Structures are given as C-alpha cells and as structure tokens.
Amino acid sequence: PIEIDPYKGVDPNLSDDWKCFCCWERPEKLSTCSLCCIARYCNRACQKSAYKEHKAECKEYSDLFVTLQREEEKLRSLPARYFDTAEGHFWGILDTRDYMR
C-alpha cells in the first residue's frame, strides 16, 4: 500500500497519471480492462500476470458500474431540468430521506 501524508493534501491514488496495475510502469499507452473499465495494463503479459489478483475486485467493480449505469438511465429519463424545477420536493423520494435530515 502507498503511504499517504494527510498534510500534503494530495492522494496519489487519485492522480490522473495512470500506471500499469501490474508492473507500475507509466507507458504512453495503457489498455483498460474491458469488464471493469478501471484496471489499466501496459501489455497483455501484465494483464495475464495480474489476473488472479484482479479477478475478485473486477467483478465487484463491474457490478457497481452496471448499477451506476442503471441509476444514470433513471435520472436521464426524468423530464428535462427536473432538478431545477422540483426544488424542495425530494422528501417524497424515500431513498433520499436519510440524507435530507
């Protein structure tokens, strides 16, 4: 694990500077795992050698990605500018009640 100094205000895990998930190199081009769309690899050999370790988290990530897509579809199916015109009417949405307190 990468040690994070909380006083520097920068989390290296959130950087846009992607590294290979296997060898941690930073080549110009990285391939992305087609299932989870998160893991990045510099070549097929790195992807194969990291597969056992990545397999469990990949399934979790891909399930979350599918859930996110479903939620996005629900939001996009609302009438245009719904959040601008329905201001203050979110108490009726049961899922948000805990956040609205």
Protein backbone atom coordinates (compact mmCIF):
# COMPACT_ATOMS: atom_id res chain seq x y z
CA PRO A 1 0.00 0.00 0.00
CA ILE A 2 1.02 3.56 -0.67
CA GLU A 3 1.55 5.65 2.43
CA ILE A 4 -0.32 8.95 2.29
CA ASP A 5 0.79 12.02 4.17
CA PRO A 6 -2.54 13.62 5.16
CA TYR A 7 -0.94 17.04 5.49
CA LYS A 8 0.17 17.29 1.86
CA GLY A 9 -3.44 17.32 0.61
CA VAL A 10 -2.75 15.09 -2.38
CA ASP A 11 -3.81 11.46 -2.60
CA PRO A 12 -1.55 9.67 -5.13
CA ASN A 13 -4.32 7.12 -5.69
CA LEU A 14 -6.50 9.86 -7.21
CA SER A 15 -3.95 11.09 -9.72
CA ASP A 16 -4.72 11.28 -13.46
CA ASP A 17 -1.28 9.85 -14.05
CA TRP A 18 -2.24 6.20 -14.63
CA LYS A 19 0.19 3.34 -14.06
CA CYS A 20 0.08 -0.29 -15.12
CA PHE A 21 -1.76 -2.25 -12.41
CA CYS A 22 0.87 -4.99 -12.65
CA CYS A 23 4.34 -3.50 -13.11
CA TRP A 24 3.53 0.11 -12.09
CA GLU A 25 5.26 1.49 -15.20
CA ARG A 26 3.88 4.57 -16.95
CA PRO A 27 3.98 3.82 -20.67
CA GLU A 28 2.44 6.25 -23.15
CA LYS A 29 -0.45 3.89 -23.86
CA LEU A 30 -2.31 1.68 -21.39
CA SER A 31 -5.07 -0.80 -22.19
CA THR A 32 -8.12 -0.77 -19.94
CA CYS A 33 -9.80 -3.88 -18.55
CA SER A 34 -12.89 -4.30 -20.73
CA LEU A 35 -15.04 -5.66 -17.89
CA CYS A 36 -14.47 -3.18 -15.04
CA CYS A 37 -13.05 -0.26 -17.08
CA ILE A 38 -10.76 0.62 -14.15
CA ALA A 39 -7.64 -1.55 -14.25
CA ARG A 40 -5.00 -0.48 -16.77
CA TYR A 41 -2.20 -2.57 -18.22
CA CYS A 42 0.77 -1.79 -20.44
CA ASN A 43 0.53 -5.12 -22.32
CA ARG A 44 -1.21 -8.50 -22.44
CA ALA A 45 1.54 -10.18 -20.37
CA CYS A 46 0.95 -7.77 -17.46
CA GLN A 47 -2.80 -8.27 -17.71
CA LYS A 48 -2.40 -12.07 -17.59
CA SER A 49 0.01 -12.00 -14.64
CA ALA A 50 -2.29 -9.69 -12.62
CA TYR A 51 -5.50 -11.59 -13.44
CA LYS A 52 -5.74 -13.75 -10.31
CA GLU A 53 -5.36 -10.73 -8.07
CA HIS A 54 -7.66 -8.52 -10.15
CA LYS A 55 -10.41 -11.09 -10.74
CA ALA A 56 -12.38 -10.59 -7.49
CA GLU A 57 -12.26 -6.80 -7.47
CA CYS A 58 -13.01 -6.71 -11.21
CA LYS A 59 -16.35 -8.46 -10.64
CA GLU A 60 -17.19 -6.03 -7.84
CA TYR A 61 -16.26 -3.00 -9.95
CA SER A 62 -18.19 -4.22 -12.98
CA ASP A 63 -21.31 -4.85 -10.84
CA LEU A 64 -21.03 -1.33 -9.43
CA PHE A 65 -20.57 0.06 -12.94
CA VAL A 66 -23.78 -1.67 -14.11
CA THR A 67 -25.65 -0.27 -11.10
CA LEU A 68 -24.31 3.19 -11.86
CA GLN A 69 -25.46 2.91 -15.47
CA ARG A 70 -28.97 1.91 -14.35
CA GLU A 71 -29.17 4.85 -11.95
CA GLU A 72 -27.95 7.21 -14.66
CA GLU A 73 -30.64 5.91 -17.03
CA LYS A 74 -33.31 6.54 -14.37
CA LEU A 75 -32.09 10.09 -13.86
CA ARG A 76 -31.88 10.78 -17.58
CA SER A 77 -35.44 9.52 -18.05
CA LEU A 78 -36.78 12.30 -15.79
CA PRO A 79 -38.28 15.34 -17.51
CA ALA A 80 -35.79 17.92 -18.72
CA ARG A 81 -34.49 20.24 -16.00
CA TYR A 82 -36.24 18.13 -13.32
CA PHE A 83 -33.76 19.09 -10.62
CA ASP A 84 -34.19 22.77 -11.42
CA THR A 85 -37.99 22.66 -11.30
CA ALA A 86 -38.53 20.13 -8.47
CA GLU A 87 -36.52 22.05 -5.89
CA GLY A 88 -37.53 21.13 -2.36
CA HIS A 89 -39.65 18.15 -3.41
CA PHE A 90 -37.12 15.43 -2.62
CA TRP A 91 -38.62 14.45 0.75
CA GLY A 92 -41.10 12.31 -1.18
CA ILE A 93 -38.25 10.19 -2.56
CA LEU A 94 -37.86 7.60 0.17
CA ASP A 95 -34.29 6.66 -0.78
CA THR A 96 -33.05 10.19 -0.02
CA ARG A 97 -34.74 10.73 3.34
CA ASP A 98 -31.69 9.77 5.40
CA TYR A 99 -29.62 12.34 3.54
CA MET A 100 -32.24 15.08 3.79
CA ARG A 101 -32.30 15.23 7.61
